[in-house]
Amino acid sequence: MFDTGLRRRLDRPLSAVAARLDVPLLTPDRLTMAGLLLGLGSAAAAAGQLWVLALLLWWLSRACDGLDGPLARRRTRHAPDPGSAPVSGREGSHAGGFLDITADFVVYGATVTGVAVGVWHGSGQSWLPFLFVLLAYYVNGTAFLAFSSIAERTGRRIDDGRSLSFLGGLAEGGETIVVHSVWLLFPGSASTVAAVWAVVVALSATQRIVTGYRALS
């Protein structure tokens, strides 16, 4: 819901950090993989009820996810002349974008599962709300990925600097980071937060389905 404005505000500071990280050893894809591993670590920590560690790993994971794109764009702007050796990273291909969105889905699903296991074992809270969150993520992801694919083939691409054509909605990346942080900060209320979040994501999925259908009609 507020991703567009947030991305605009964070563009300059993220680009500045990416400039400092722009060394040959660190590529956008390696940042993506670091975010994936940190996200899986957060899920494992949550399952073990190590809530503070899970929160820190979650934030680090999302920081890596936020920096791989700016680093890739920086590498593209500073790419060498045609005919010279290519720079490392995701420049000139869609492989990095594919890796990025796949890693995001793995991290989101793993962290939901990890928190569900942690609160069930720790305080006996129901894991069902987390199951509904996963279902809502599945429908939501299907809607915007299907739209992105068809929009690309029909020349109706939404170009906002990302690899895919994203349809806006109530639940986007910024909201997801906040909600996942909230249930790690307050694990005693995690099931309640998950129940509310499942409804929000479901509404967002419905909105994307309707908007996408109309845009492609």
N, C-alpha and C. Protein backbone atom coordinates (compact mmCIF):
# COMPACT_ATOMS: atom_id res chain seq x y z
N MET A 1 0.82 -1.19 0.00
CA MET A 1 0.00 0.00 0.00
C MET A 1 0.87 1.27 0.00
N PHE A 2 1.94 1.25 0.82
CA PHE A 2 2.81 2.42 0.84
C PHE A 2 4.18 2.15 0.25
N ASP A 3 4.31 1.07 -0.53
CA ASP A 3 5.61 0.71 -1.10
C ASP A 3 6.15 1.76 -2.07
N THR A 4 5.27 2.34 -2.90
CA THR A 4 5.74 3.30 -3.90
C THR A 4 6.40 4.50 -3.24
N GLY A 5 5.70 5.10 -2.25
CA GLY A 5 6.27 6.24 -1.55
C GLY A 5 7.50 5.86 -0.75
N LEU A 6 7.48 4.67 -0.14
CA LEU A 6 8.62 4.22 0.65
C LEU A 6 9.83 3.99 -0.23
N ARG A 7 9.62 3.38 -1.39
CA ARG A 7 10.72 3.13 -2.32
C ARG A 7 11.33 4.46 -2.78
N ARG A 8 10.48 5.47 -2.99
CA ARG A 8 10.97 6.77 -3.42
C ARG A 8 11.82 7.42 -2.34
N ARG A 9 11.40 7.31 -1.10
CA ARG A 9 12.14 7.92 0.01
C ARG A 9 13.44 7.19 0.31
N LEU A 10 13.43 5.87 0.12
CA LEU A 10 14.61 5.08 0.46
C LEU A 10 15.60 4.96 -0.69
N ASP A 11 15.21 5.43 -1.88
CA ASP A 11 16.07 5.24 -3.05
C ASP A 11 17.45 5.87 -2.85
N ARG A 12 17.49 7.10 -2.38
CA ARG A 12 18.79 7.78 -2.23
C ARG A 12 19.66 7.13 -1.15
N PRO A 13 19.13 6.88 0.09
CA PRO A 13 19.99 6.24 1.09
C PRO A 13 20.43 4.83 0.71
N LEU A 14 19.54 4.07 0.08
CA LEU A 14 19.92 2.72 -0.35
C LEU A 14 20.99 2.78 -1.44
N SER A 15 20.88 3.74 -2.33
CA SER A 15 21.88 3.89 -3.39
C SER A 15 23.23 4.28 -2.78
N ALA A 16 23.20 5.10 -1.73
CA ALA A 16 24.44 5.50 -1.07
C ALA A 16 25.11 4.30 -0.40
N VAL A 17 24.31 3.45 0.25
CA VAL A 17 24.87 2.25 0.88
C VAL A 17 25.39 1.30 -0.19
N ALA A 18 24.64 1.16 -1.30
CA ALA A 18 25.07 0.28 -2.39
C ALA A 18 26.41 0.74 -2.96
N ALA A 19 26.64 2.05 -3.00
CA ALA A 19 27.92 2.58 -3.50
C ALA A 19 29.07 2.13 -2.60
N ARG A 20 28.82 2.09 -1.30
CA ARG A 20 29.86 1.64 -0.36
C ARG A 20 30.10 0.13 -0.46
N LEU A 21 29.06 -0.59 -0.85
CA LEU A 21 29.18 -2.04 -0.96
C LEU A 21 29.68 -2.50 -2.33
N ASP A 22 29.89 -1.56 -3.23
CA ASP A 22 30.25 -1.89 -4.60
C ASP A 22 31.72 -2.29 -4.71
N VAL A 23 31.98 -3.53 -4.32
CA VAL A 23 33.32 -4.10 -4.43
C VAL A 23 33.21 -5.37 -5.28
N PRO A 24 34.28 -5.76 -5.96
CA PRO A 24 34.19 -6.92 -6.88
C PRO A 24 33.68 -8.20 -6.22
N LEU A 25 34.02 -8.42 -4.95
CA LEU A 25 33.63 -9.67 -4.30
C LEU A 25 32.13 -9.76 -4.06
N LEU A 26 31.48 -8.62 -3.90
CA LEU A 26 30.06 -8.60 -3.56
C LEU A 26 29.24 -8.29 -4.80
N THR A 27 28.37 -9.22 -5.19
CA THR A 27 27.51 -9.02 -6.35
C THR A 27 26.06 -8.95 -5.89
N PRO A 28 25.17 -8.42 -6.73
CA PRO A 28 23.75 -8.39 -6.36
C PRO A 28 23.19 -9.78 -6.05
N ASP A 29 23.59 -10.77 -6.82
CA ASP A 29 23.08 -12.12 -6.57
C ASP A 29 23.57 -12.68 -5.24
N ARG A 30 24.80 -12.34 -4.86
CA ARG A 30 25.31 -12.79 -3.57
C ARG A 30 24.57 -12.11 -2.43
N LEU A 31 24.20 -10.85 -2.63
CA LEU A 31 23.37 -10.17 -1.63
C LEU A 31 22.01 -10.85 -1.51
N THR A 32 21.44 -11.22 -2.65
CA THR A 32 20.16 -11.93 -2.64
C THR A 32 20.27 -13.24 -1.87
N MET A 33 21.33 -13.99 -2.12
CA MET A 33 21.52 -15.27 -1.44
C MET A 33 21.78 -15.07 0.06
N ALA A 34 22.49 -13.99 0.41
CA ALA A 34 22.70 -13.67 1.82
C ALA A 34 21.36 -13.40 2.49
N GLY A 35 20.49 -12.64 1.81
CA GLY A 35 19.16 -12.37 2.34
C GLY A 35 18.36 -13.63 2.53
N LEU A 36 18.49 -14.56 1.57
CA LEU A 36 17.79 -15.84 1.67
C LEU A 36 18.27 -16.63 2.88
N LEU A 37 19.57 -16.75 3.05
CA LEU A 37 20.11 -17.52 4.17
C LEU A 37 19.77 -16.88 5.52
N LEU A 38 19.84 -15.55 5.58
CA LEU A 38 19.49 -14.86 6.81
C LEU A 38 18.00 -15.05 7.13
N GLY A 39 17.16 -15.03 6.09
CA GLY A 39 15.73 -15.25 6.29
C GLY A 39 15.43 -16.65 6.80
N LEU A 40 16.12 -17.65 6.24
CA LEU A 40 15.94 -19.02 6.72
C LEU A 40 16.44 -19.15 8.15
N GLY A 41 17.52 -18.43 8.47
CA GLY A 41 18.02 -18.42 9.84
C GLY A 41 17.00 -17.81 10.79
N SER A 42 16.33 -16.75 10.35
CA SER A 42 15.29 -16.13 11.16
C SER A 42 14.14 -17.11 11.42
N ALA A 43 13.75 -17.84 10.39
CA ALA A 43 12.68 -18.83 10.54
C ALA A 43 13.07 -19.91 11.54
N ALA A 44 14.31 -20.38 11.44
CA ALA A 44 14.78 -21.42 12.37
C ALA A 44 14.84 -20.89 13.80
N ALA A 45 15.30 -19.64 13.95
CA ALA A 45 15.37 -19.05 15.29
C ALA A 45 13.97 -18.89 15.89
N ALA A 46 13.00 -18.48 15.06
CA ALA A 46 11.63 -18.34 15.53
C ALA A 46 11.05 -19.69 15.96
N ALA A 47 11.33 -20.72 15.17
CA ALA A 47 10.86 -22.06 15.53
C ALA A 47 11.44 -22.50 16.87
N GLY A 48 12.66 -22.07 17.17
CA GLY A 48 13.29 -22.38 18.44
C GLY A 48 12.98 -21.38 19.53
N GLN A 49 12.05 -20.45 19.26
CA GLN A 49 11.61 -19.42 20.22
C GLN A 49 12.74 -18.47 20.62
N LEU A 50 13.69 -18.26 19.75
CA LEU A 50 14.76 -17.29 19.96
C LEU A 50 14.32 -15.99 19.26
N TRP A 51 13.39 -15.30 19.90
CA TRP A 51 12.66 -14.24 19.22
C TRP A 51 13.53 -13.04 18.86
N VAL A 52 14.42 -12.63 19.75
CA VAL A 52 15.27 -11.48 19.47
C VAL A 52 16.21 -11.79 18.30
N LEU A 53 16.80 -12.97 18.33
CA LEU A 53 17.68 -13.37 17.24
C LEU A 53 16.91 -13.45 15.93
N ALA A 54 15.70 -14.00 15.99
CA ALA A 54 14.87 -14.12 14.79
C ALA A 54 14.56 -12.74 14.21
N LEU A 55 14.29 -11.77 15.08
CA LEU A 55 13.99 -10.42 14.63
C LEU A 55 15.20 -9.77 13.96
N LEU A 56 16.36 -9.90 14.59
CA LEU A 56 17.58 -9.31 14.02
C LEU A 56 17.91 -9.93 12.66
N LEU A 57 17.79 -11.25 12.57
CA LEU A 57 18.06 -11.92 11.29
C LEU A 57 17.05 -11.53 10.23
N TRP A 58 15.81 -11.33 10.64
CA TRP A 58 14.77 -10.90 9.70
C TRP A 58 15.09 -9.52 9.13
N TRP A 59 15.48 -8.59 10.01
CA TRP A 59 15.82 -7.25 9.54
C TRP A 59 17.04 -7.26 8.63
N LEU A 60 18.06 -8.05 8.97
CA LEU A 60 19.24 -8.15 8.13
C LEU A 60 18.90 -8.76 6.77
N SER A 61 18.03 -9.74 6.79
CA SER A 61 17.59 -10.37 5.55
C SER A 61 16.90 -9.37 4.64
N ARG A 62 16.01 -8.57 5.21
CA ARG A 62 15.30 -7.59 4.39
C ARG A 62 16.21 -6.44 3.95
N ALA A 63 17.23 -6.15 4.75
CA ALA A 63 18.21 -5.14 4.33
C ALA A 63 18.95 -5.61 3.08
N CYS A 64 19.36 -6.87 3.08
CA CYS A 64 20.02 -7.43 1.89
C CYS A 64 19.08 -7.40 0.70
N ASP A 65 17.81 -7.73 0.94
CA ASP A 65 16.83 -7.72 -0.14
C ASP A 65 16.63 -6.32 -0.70
N GLY A 66 16.74 -5.31 0.17
CA GLY A 66 16.57 -3.94 -0.29
C GLY A 66 17.78 -3.38 -1.01
N LEU A 67 18.94 -4.01 -0.83
CA LEU A 67 20.18 -3.47 -1.40
C LEU A 67 20.60 -4.16 -2.70
N ASP A 68 20.09 -5.36 -2.96
CA ASP A 68 20.55 -6.05 -4.17
C ASP A 68 20.12 -5.31 -5.44
N GLY A 69 18.90 -4.75 -5.44
CA GLY A 69 18.44 -4.00 -6.60
C GLY A 69 19.26 -2.74 -6.86
N PRO A 70 19.44 -1.86 -5.85
CA PRO A 70 20.27 -0.67 -6.07
C PRO A 70 21.70 -0.99 -6.52
N LEU A 71 22.27 -2.07 -5.97
CA LEU A 71 23.62 -2.45 -6.40
C LEU A 71 23.62 -2.90 -7.86
N ALA A 72 22.58 -3.66 -8.25
CA ALA A 72 22.49 -4.10 -9.64
C ALA A 72 22.33 -2.91 -10.59
N ARG A 73 21.49 -1.95 -10.21
CA ARG A 73 21.30 -0.77 -11.06
C ARG A 73 22.58 0.06 -11.13
N ARG A 74 23.32 0.13 -10.03
CA ARG A 74 24.58 0.85 -10.04
C ARG A 74 25.57 0.17 -10.97
N ARG A 75 25.63 -1.16 -10.92
CA ARG A 75 26.54 -1.89 -11.81
C ARG A 75 26.15 -1.67 -13.27
N THR A 76 24.85 -1.59 -13.53
CA THR A 76 24.39 -1.38 -14.91
C THR A 76 24.81 0.00 -15.41
N ARG A 77 24.66 1.01 -14.55
CA ARG A 77 25.04 2.38 -14.95
C ARG A 77 26.54 2.50 -15.20
N HIS A 78 27.32 1.71 -14.44
CA HIS A 78 28.77 1.78 -14.57
C HIS A 78 29.34 0.60 -15.36
N ALA A 79 28.49 0.01 -16.19
CA ALA A 79 28.95 -1.13 -16.98
C ALA A 79 30.00 -0.68 -17.98
N PRO A 80 30.94 -1.56 -18.32
CA PRO A 80 31.97 -1.21 -19.30
C PRO A 80 31.41 -1.13 -20.71
N ASP A 81 32.22 -0.62 -21.61
CA ASP A 81 31.80 -0.51 -23.00
C ASP A 81 31.55 -1.89 -23.60
N PRO A 82 30.64 -1.95 -24.60
CA PRO A 82 30.39 -3.22 -25.28
C PRO A 82 31.69 -3.82 -25.82
N GLY A 83 31.82 -5.12 -25.70
CA GLY A 83 33.00 -5.80 -26.20
C GLY A 83 34.01 -6.09 -25.12
N SER A 84 33.92 -5.39 -23.98
CA SER A 84 34.83 -5.67 -22.88
C SER A 84 34.22 -6.73 -21.98
N ALA A 85 34.97 -7.16 -21.01
CA ALA A 85 34.50 -8.22 -20.12
C ALA A 85 33.29 -7.74 -19.33
N PRO A 86 32.24 -8.58 -19.17
CA PRO A 86 31.05 -8.16 -18.45
C PRO A 86 31.33 -8.02 -16.96
N VAL A 87 30.60 -7.10 -16.32
CA VAL A 87 30.73 -6.95 -14.88
C VAL A 87 29.94 -8.06 -14.21
N SER A 88 30.36 -8.40 -13.00
CA SER A 88 29.66 -9.48 -12.30
C SER A 88 28.35 -8.99 -11.73
N GLY A 89 27.42 -9.91 -11.53
CA GLY A 89 26.12 -9.55 -10.97
C GLY A 89 25.02 -9.95 -11.92
N ARG A 90 23.92 -9.16 -11.91
CA ARG A 90 22.77 -9.54 -12.71
C ARG A 90 22.58 -8.65 -13.93
N GLU A 91 23.57 -7.85 -14.26
CA GLU A 91 23.43 -6.93 -15.36
C GLU A 91 23.23 -7.67 -16.68
N GLY A 92 22.31 -7.14 -17.51
CA GLY A 92 22.14 -7.69 -18.84
C GLY A 92 21.28 -8.94 -18.89
N SER A 93 20.71 -9.36 -17.79
CA SER A 93 19.87 -10.55 -17.81
C SER A 93 18.77 -10.40 -16.77
N HIS A 94 17.80 -11.31 -16.86
CA HIS A 94 16.69 -11.31 -15.90
C HIS A 94 16.91 -12.34 -14.81
N ALA A 95 18.07 -12.97 -14.82
CA ALA A 95 18.33 -14.03 -13.84
C ALA A 95 18.28 -13.51 -12.41
N GLY A 96 18.84 -12.32 -12.20
CA GLY A 96 18.85 -11.75 -10.86
C GLY A 96 17.46 -11.44 -10.35
N GLY A 97 16.61 -10.90 -11.22
CA GLY A 97 15.23 -10.62 -10.83
C GLY A 97 14.48 -11.89 -10.47
N PHE A 98 14.72 -12.96 -11.27
CA PHE A 98 14.10 -14.25 -10.99
C PHE A 98 14.56 -14.79 -9.64
N LEU A 99 15.87 -14.71 -9.39
CA LEU A 99 16.42 -15.18 -8.12
C LEU A 99 15.86 -14.38 -6.95
N ASP A 100 15.72 -13.08 -7.13
CA ASP A 100 15.24 -12.20 -6.07
C ASP A 100 13.82 -12.55 -5.66
N ILE A 101 12.90 -12.66 -6.61
CA ILE A 101 11.51 -12.92 -6.26
C ILE A 101 11.35 -14.33 -5.70
N THR A 102 12.13 -15.29 -6.22
CA THR A 102 12.07 -16.65 -5.69
C THR A 102 12.55 -16.69 -4.24
N ALA A 103 13.65 -15.99 -3.96
CA ALA A 103 14.17 -15.94 -2.59
C ALA A 103 13.16 -15.29 -1.65
N ASP A 104 12.48 -14.24 -2.12
CA ASP A 104 11.47 -13.58 -1.29
C ASP A 104 10.36 -14.55 -0.89
N PHE A 105 9.88 -15.32 -1.86
CA PHE A 105 8.80 -16.25 -1.57
C PHE A 105 9.24 -17.34 -0.59
N VAL A 106 10.46 -17.81 -0.77
CA VAL A 106 10.98 -18.83 0.16
C VAL A 106 11.09 -18.26 1.57
N VAL A 107 11.62 -17.05 1.68
CA VAL A 107 11.79 -16.43 3.00
C VAL A 107 10.44 -16.15 3.66
N TYR A 108 9.50 -15.61 2.91
CA TYR A 108 8.19 -15.32 3.49
C TYR A 108 7.52 -16.59 4.00
N GLY A 109 7.52 -17.62 3.18
CA GLY A 109 6.90 -18.87 3.59
C GLY A 109 7.60 -19.52 4.78
N ALA A 110 8.93 -19.48 4.76
CA ALA A 110 9.69 -20.10 5.85
C ALA A 110 9.49 -19.36 7.16
N THR A 111 9.47 -18.02 7.11
CA THR A 111 9.32 -17.27 8.36
C THR A 111 7.93 -17.45 8.96
N VAL A 112 6.90 -17.50 8.13
CA VAL A 112 5.55 -17.77 8.64
C VAL A 112 5.51 -19.13 9.32
N THR A 113 6.09 -20.12 8.67
CA THR A 113 6.12 -21.48 9.24
C THR A 113 6.92 -21.51 10.53
N GLY A 114 8.07 -20.84 10.56
CA GLY A 114 8.90 -20.82 11.75
C GLY A 114 8.19 -20.20 12.95
N VAL A 115 7.51 -19.08 12.72
CA VAL A 115 6.78 -18.44 13.81
C VAL A 115 5.63 -19.32 14.28
N ALA A 116 4.94 -19.96 13.34
CA ALA A 116 3.84 -20.86 13.72
C ALA A 116 4.33 -21.98 14.62
N VAL A 117 5.47 -22.58 14.26
CA VAL A 117 6.03 -23.66 15.09
C VAL A 117 6.45 -23.12 16.46
N GLY A 118 7.07 -21.95 16.47
CA GLY A 118 7.55 -21.37 17.72
C GLY A 118 6.44 -21.05 18.70
N VAL A 119 5.37 -20.40 18.22
CA VAL A 119 4.29 -20.03 19.14
C VAL A 119 3.47 -21.24 19.56
N TRP A 120 3.38 -22.24 18.70
CA TRP A 120 2.63 -23.45 19.06
C TRP A 120 3.35 -24.22 20.16
N HIS A 121 4.65 -24.39 20.00
CA HIS A 121 5.41 -25.10 21.02
C HIS A 121 5.61 -24.24 22.27
N GLY A 122 5.76 -22.94 22.10
CA GLY A 122 6.07 -22.09 23.23
C GLY A 122 4.90 -21.76 24.13
N SER A 123 3.74 -21.45 23.52
CA SER A 123 2.61 -21.02 24.32
C SER A 123 1.31 -21.71 23.95
N GLY A 124 1.37 -22.69 23.09
CA GLY A 124 0.18 -23.44 22.71
C GLY A 124 -0.80 -22.69 21.84
N GLN A 125 -0.35 -21.57 21.23
CA GLN A 125 -1.25 -20.82 20.34
C GLN A 125 -1.55 -21.64 19.08
N SER A 126 -2.71 -21.36 18.52
CA SER A 126 -3.12 -22.08 17.32
C SER A 126 -2.23 -21.72 16.13
N TRP A 127 -1.90 -22.73 15.33
CA TRP A 127 -1.12 -22.49 14.13
C TRP A 127 -2.01 -22.24 12.91
N LEU A 128 -3.34 -22.36 13.08
CA LEU A 128 -4.25 -22.22 11.94
C LEU A 128 -4.19 -20.84 11.28
N PRO A 129 -4.11 -19.74 12.06
CA PRO A 129 -4.01 -18.43 11.38
C PRO A 129 -2.81 -18.33 10.45
N PHE A 130 -1.72 -18.99 10.81
CA PHE A 130 -0.53 -18.96 9.96
C PHE A 130 -0.75 -19.77 8.68
N LEU A 131 -1.55 -20.83 8.79
CA LEU A 131 -1.92 -21.59 7.60
C LEU A 131 -2.72 -20.73 6.63
N PHE A 132 -3.61 -19.92 7.18
CA PHE A 132 -4.40 -19.02 6.33
C PHE A 132 -3.52 -17.92 5.72
N VAL A 133 -2.51 -17.48 6.47
CA VAL A 133 -1.56 -16.51 5.90
C VAL A 133 -0.85 -17.12 4.70
N LEU A 134 -0.39 -18.37 4.82
CA LEU A 134 0.28 -19.03 3.71
C LEU A 134 -0.64 -19.18 2.51
N LEU A 135 -1.92 -19.52 2.75
CA LEU A 135 -2.89 -19.63 1.66
C LEU A 135 -3.07 -18.27 0.98
N ALA A 136 -3.19 -17.22 1.79
CA ALA A 136 -3.36 -15.88 1.22
C ALA A 136 -2.13 -15.46 0.43
N TYR A 137 -0.92 -15.80 0.94
CA TYR A 137 0.31 -15.51 0.19
C TYR A 137 0.29 -16.23 -1.15
N TYR A 138 -0.15 -17.47 -1.14
CA TYR A 138 -0.19 -18.28 -2.37
C TYR A 138 -1.08 -17.63 -3.42
N VAL A 139 -2.29 -17.24 -3.02
CA VAL A 139 -3.23 -16.63 -3.96
C VAL A 139 -2.71 -15.27 -4.43
N ASN A 140 -2.20 -14.49 -3.48
CA ASN A 140 -1.68 -13.16 -3.80
C ASN A 140 -0.51 -13.25 -4.78
N GLY A 141 0.43 -14.16 -4.50
CA GLY A 141 1.58 -14.34 -5.38
C GLY A 141 1.18 -14.82 -6.75
N THR A 142 0.21 -15.74 -6.81
CA THR A 142 -0.27 -16.23 -8.09
C THR A 142 -0.84 -15.10 -8.94
N ALA A 143 -1.60 -14.22 -8.30
CA ALA A 143 -2.25 -13.13 -9.02
C ALA A 143 -1.23 -12.18 -9.64
N PHE A 144 -0.24 -11.73 -8.84
CA PHE A 144 0.64 -10.73 -9.42
C PHE A 144 1.70 -11.33 -10.34
N LEU A 145 2.06 -12.61 -10.10
CA LEU A 145 3.01 -13.24 -11.02
C LEU A 145 2.35 -13.54 -12.37
N ALA A 146 1.09 -13.98 -12.33
CA ALA A 146 0.37 -14.24 -13.58
C ALA A 146 0.17 -12.94 -14.35
N PHE A 147 -0.19 -11.87 -13.64
CA PHE A 147 -0.36 -10.58 -14.31
C PHE A 147 0.95 -10.12 -14.93
N SER A 148 2.04 -10.26 -14.19
CA SER A 148 3.34 -9.81 -14.69
C SER A 148 3.71 -10.54 -15.98
N SER A 149 3.48 -11.84 -16.00
CA SER A 149 3.83 -12.63 -17.18
C SER A 149 3.01 -12.22 -18.40
N ILE A 150 1.69 -12.10 -18.20
CA ILE A 150 0.82 -11.75 -19.32
C ILE A 150 1.05 -10.31 -19.76
N ALA A 151 1.25 -9.41 -18.79
CA ALA A 151 1.49 -8.00 -19.13
C ALA A 151 2.76 -7.86 -19.95
N GLU A 152 3.77 -8.65 -19.62
CA GLU A 152 5.03 -8.60 -20.37
C GLU A 152 4.82 -9.02 -21.82
N ARG A 153 4.02 -10.05 -22.03
CA ARG A 153 3.80 -10.58 -23.38
C ARG A 153 2.86 -9.72 -24.21
N THR A 154 2.01 -8.95 -23.55
CA THR A 154 1.02 -8.15 -24.28
C THR A 154 1.40 -6.68 -24.35
N GLY A 155 2.61 -6.33 -23.90
CA GLY A 155 3.07 -4.95 -23.97
C GLY A 155 2.40 -4.02 -22.98
N ARG A 156 1.92 -4.56 -21.86
CA ARG A 156 1.28 -3.73 -20.84
C ARG A 156 2.09 -3.72 -19.55
N ARG A 157 3.37 -3.82 -19.70
CA ARG A 157 4.28 -3.86 -18.56
C ARG A 157 4.19 -2.59 -17.70
N ILE A 158 4.21 -2.76 -16.38
CA ILE A 158 4.28 -1.64 -15.44
C ILE A 158 5.74 -1.49 -15.04
N ASP A 159 6.38 -0.43 -15.49
CA ASP A 159 7.81 -0.26 -15.25
C ASP A 159 8.04 0.68 -14.07
N ASP A 160 8.39 0.10 -12.90
CA ASP A 160 8.70 0.92 -11.74
C ASP A 160 10.11 0.65 -11.24
N GLY A 161 10.95 0.11 -12.13
CA GLY A 161 12.34 -0.16 -11.78
C GLY A 161 12.59 -1.57 -11.30
N ARG A 162 11.52 -2.34 -11.07
CA ARG A 162 11.68 -3.70 -10.61
C ARG A 162 11.62 -4.67 -11.79
N SER A 163 12.03 -5.91 -11.54
CA SER A 163 12.12 -6.88 -12.63
C SER A 163 10.75 -7.31 -13.13
N LEU A 164 9.73 -7.27 -12.26
CA LEU A 164 8.40 -7.71 -12.62
C LEU A 164 7.43 -6.54 -12.62
N SER A 165 6.29 -6.73 -13.28
CA SER A 165 5.23 -5.72 -13.26
C SER A 165 4.37 -5.96 -12.03
N PHE A 166 4.52 -5.10 -11.03
CA PHE A 166 3.82 -5.28 -9.77
C PHE A 166 2.51 -4.49 -9.77
N LEU A 167 1.43 -5.18 -9.39
CA LEU A 167 0.16 -4.52 -9.14
C LEU A 167 0.13 -4.10 -7.68
N GLY A 168 -0.18 -2.84 -7.42
CA GLY A 168 -0.26 -2.37 -6.05
C GLY A 168 -1.39 -3.05 -5.30
N GLY A 169 -1.30 -3.04 -3.97
CA GLY A 169 -2.33 -3.66 -3.16
C GLY A 169 -2.21 -3.23 -1.71
N LEU A 170 -3.15 -3.71 -0.89
CA LEU A 170 -3.11 -3.39 0.55
C LEU A 170 -1.87 -3.96 1.20
N ALA A 171 -1.49 -5.15 0.79
CA ALA A 171 -0.34 -5.84 1.40
C ALA A 171 0.79 -5.91 0.39
N GLU A 172 1.86 -5.18 0.67
CA GLU A 172 3.04 -5.20 -0.19
C GLU A 172 4.26 -5.49 0.67
N GLY A 173 5.43 -5.27 0.11
CA GLY A 173 6.66 -5.63 0.82
C GLY A 173 6.84 -4.89 2.13
N GLY A 174 6.55 -3.58 2.13
CA GLY A 174 6.73 -2.79 3.35
C GLY A 174 5.85 -3.28 4.48
N GLU A 175 4.58 -3.53 4.17
CA GLU A 175 3.65 -4.03 5.19
C GLU A 175 4.08 -5.40 5.70
N THR A 176 4.59 -6.23 4.79
CA THR A 176 5.03 -7.57 5.18
C THR A 176 6.18 -7.51 6.17
N ILE A 177 7.14 -6.62 5.91
CA ILE A 177 8.27 -6.47 6.83
C ILE A 177 7.78 -6.04 8.21
N VAL A 178 6.84 -5.10 8.24
CA VAL A 178 6.32 -4.61 9.52
C VAL A 178 5.59 -5.70 10.28
N VAL A 179 4.69 -6.41 9.60
CA VAL A 179 3.88 -7.43 10.27
C VAL A 179 4.75 -8.58 10.78
N HIS A 180 5.70 -9.03 9.97
CA HIS A 180 6.59 -10.10 10.42
C HIS A 180 7.43 -9.63 11.62
N SER A 181 7.77 -8.36 11.66
CA SER A 181 8.50 -7.82 12.80
C SER A 181 7.62 -7.79 14.04
N VAL A 182 6.34 -7.43 13.87
CA VAL A 182 5.42 -7.32 15.00
C VAL A 182 5.24 -8.66 15.69
N TRP A 183 5.05 -9.74 14.92
CA TRP A 183 4.82 -11.00 15.62
C TRP A 183 6.09 -11.60 16.20
N LEU A 184 7.25 -11.11 15.75
CA LEU A 184 8.50 -11.50 16.41
C LEU A 184 8.74 -10.67 17.67
N LEU A 185 8.28 -9.43 17.66
CA LEU A 185 8.39 -8.58 18.85
C LEU A 185 7.40 -8.98 19.93
N PHE A 186 6.22 -9.44 19.51
CA PHE A 186 5.16 -9.80 20.46
C PHE A 186 4.66 -11.22 20.17
N PRO A 187 5.50 -12.23 20.39
CA PRO A 187 5.11 -13.61 20.06
C PRO A 187 3.88 -14.10 20.82
N GLY A 188 3.60 -13.51 21.98
CA GLY A 188 2.42 -13.91 22.73
C GLY A 188 1.11 -13.57 22.03
N SER A 189 1.18 -12.63 21.08
CA SER A 189 -0.01 -12.23 20.32
C SER A 189 0.12 -12.58 18.85
N ALA A 190 1.07 -13.45 18.53
CA ALA A 190 1.39 -13.73 17.13
C ALA A 190 0.21 -14.32 16.36
N SER A 191 -0.54 -15.22 16.99
CA SER A 191 -1.67 -15.85 16.30
C SER A 191 -2.74 -14.83 15.95
N THR A 192 -2.99 -13.89 16.86
CA THR A 192 -3.97 -12.84 16.59
C THR A 192 -3.51 -11.95 15.45
N VAL A 193 -2.23 -11.58 15.48
CA VAL A 193 -1.67 -10.76 14.39
C VAL A 193 -1.78 -11.51 13.07
N ALA A 194 -1.49 -12.81 13.08
CA ALA A 194 -1.56 -13.60 11.86
C ALA A 194 -2.98 -13.67 11.31
N ALA A 195 -3.97 -13.78 12.20
CA ALA A 195 -5.36 -13.85 11.75
C ALA A 195 -5.76 -12.56 11.03
N VAL A 196 -5.38 -11.43 11.62
CA VAL A 196 -5.69 -10.14 10.99
C VAL A 196 -4.94 -9.99 9.67
N TRP A 197 -3.67 -10.38 9.67
CA TRP A 197 -2.84 -10.26 8.48
C TRP A 197 -3.36 -11.15 7.35
N ALA A 198 -3.86 -12.32 7.68
CA ALA A 198 -4.41 -13.21 6.65
C ALA A 198 -5.58 -12.54 5.93
N VAL A 199 -6.42 -11.84 6.69
CA VAL A 199 -7.56 -11.14 6.08
C VAL A 199 -7.07 -10.01 5.18
N VAL A 200 -6.08 -9.26 5.65
CA VAL A 200 -5.54 -8.14 4.86
C VAL A 200 -4.94 -8.65 3.54
N VAL A 201 -4.14 -9.72 3.63
CA VAL A 201 -3.51 -10.27 2.42
C VAL A 201 -4.57 -10.83 1.48
N ALA A 202 -5.60 -11.46 2.03
CA ALA A 202 -6.69 -11.99 1.20
C ALA A 202 -7.41 -10.86 0.46
N LEU A 203 -7.65 -9.75 1.16
CA LEU A 203 -8.27 -8.59 0.50
C LEU A 203 -7.36 -8.03 -0.58
N SER A 204 -6.07 -8.00 -0.29
CA SER A 204 -5.10 -7.52 -1.28
C SER A 204 -5.09 -8.42 -2.51
N ALA A 205 -5.16 -9.74 -2.28
CA ALA A 205 -5.18 -10.68 -3.40
C ALA A 205 -6.42 -10.46 -4.26
N THR A 206 -7.57 -10.27 -3.61
CA THR A 206 -8.82 -10.01 -4.34
C THR A 206 -8.70 -8.74 -5.17
N GLN A 207 -8.12 -7.70 -4.55
CA GLN A 207 -7.92 -6.44 -5.26
C GLN A 207 -7.03 -6.63 -6.48
N ARG A 208 -5.95 -7.39 -6.33
CA ARG A 208 -5.03 -7.62 -7.45
C ARG A 208 -5.71 -8.42 -8.57
N ILE A 209 -6.52 -9.39 -8.20
CA ILE A 209 -7.22 -10.19 -9.22
C ILE A 209 -8.16 -9.31 -10.04
N VAL A 210 -8.94 -8.48 -9.35
CA VAL A 210 -9.90 -7.61 -10.04
C VAL A 210 -9.16 -6.57 -10.89
N THR A 211 -8.15 -5.92 -10.31
CA THR A 211 -7.40 -4.89 -11.04
C THR A 211 -6.67 -5.48 -12.23
N GLY A 212 -6.04 -6.63 -12.03
CA GLY A 212 -5.31 -7.28 -13.11
C GLY A 212 -6.22 -7.69 -14.25
N TYR A 213 -7.39 -8.24 -13.91
CA TYR A 213 -8.34 -8.66 -14.95
C TYR A 213 -8.80 -7.46 -15.77
N ARG A 214 -9.10 -6.37 -15.08
CA ARG A 214 -9.56 -5.18 -15.78
C ARG A 214 -8.47 -4.59 -16.66
N ALA A 215 -7.22 -4.61 -16.14
CA ALA A 215 -6.10 -4.03 -16.89
C ALA A 215 -5.81 -4.84 -18.16
N LEU A 216 -6.07 -6.13 -18.13
CA LEU A 216 -5.75 -6.98 -19.27
C LEU A 216 -6.94 -7.20 -20.20
N SER A 217 -8.11 -6.73 -19.79
CA SER A 217 -9.31 -6.95 -20.61
C SER A 217 -9.26 -6.09 -21.88
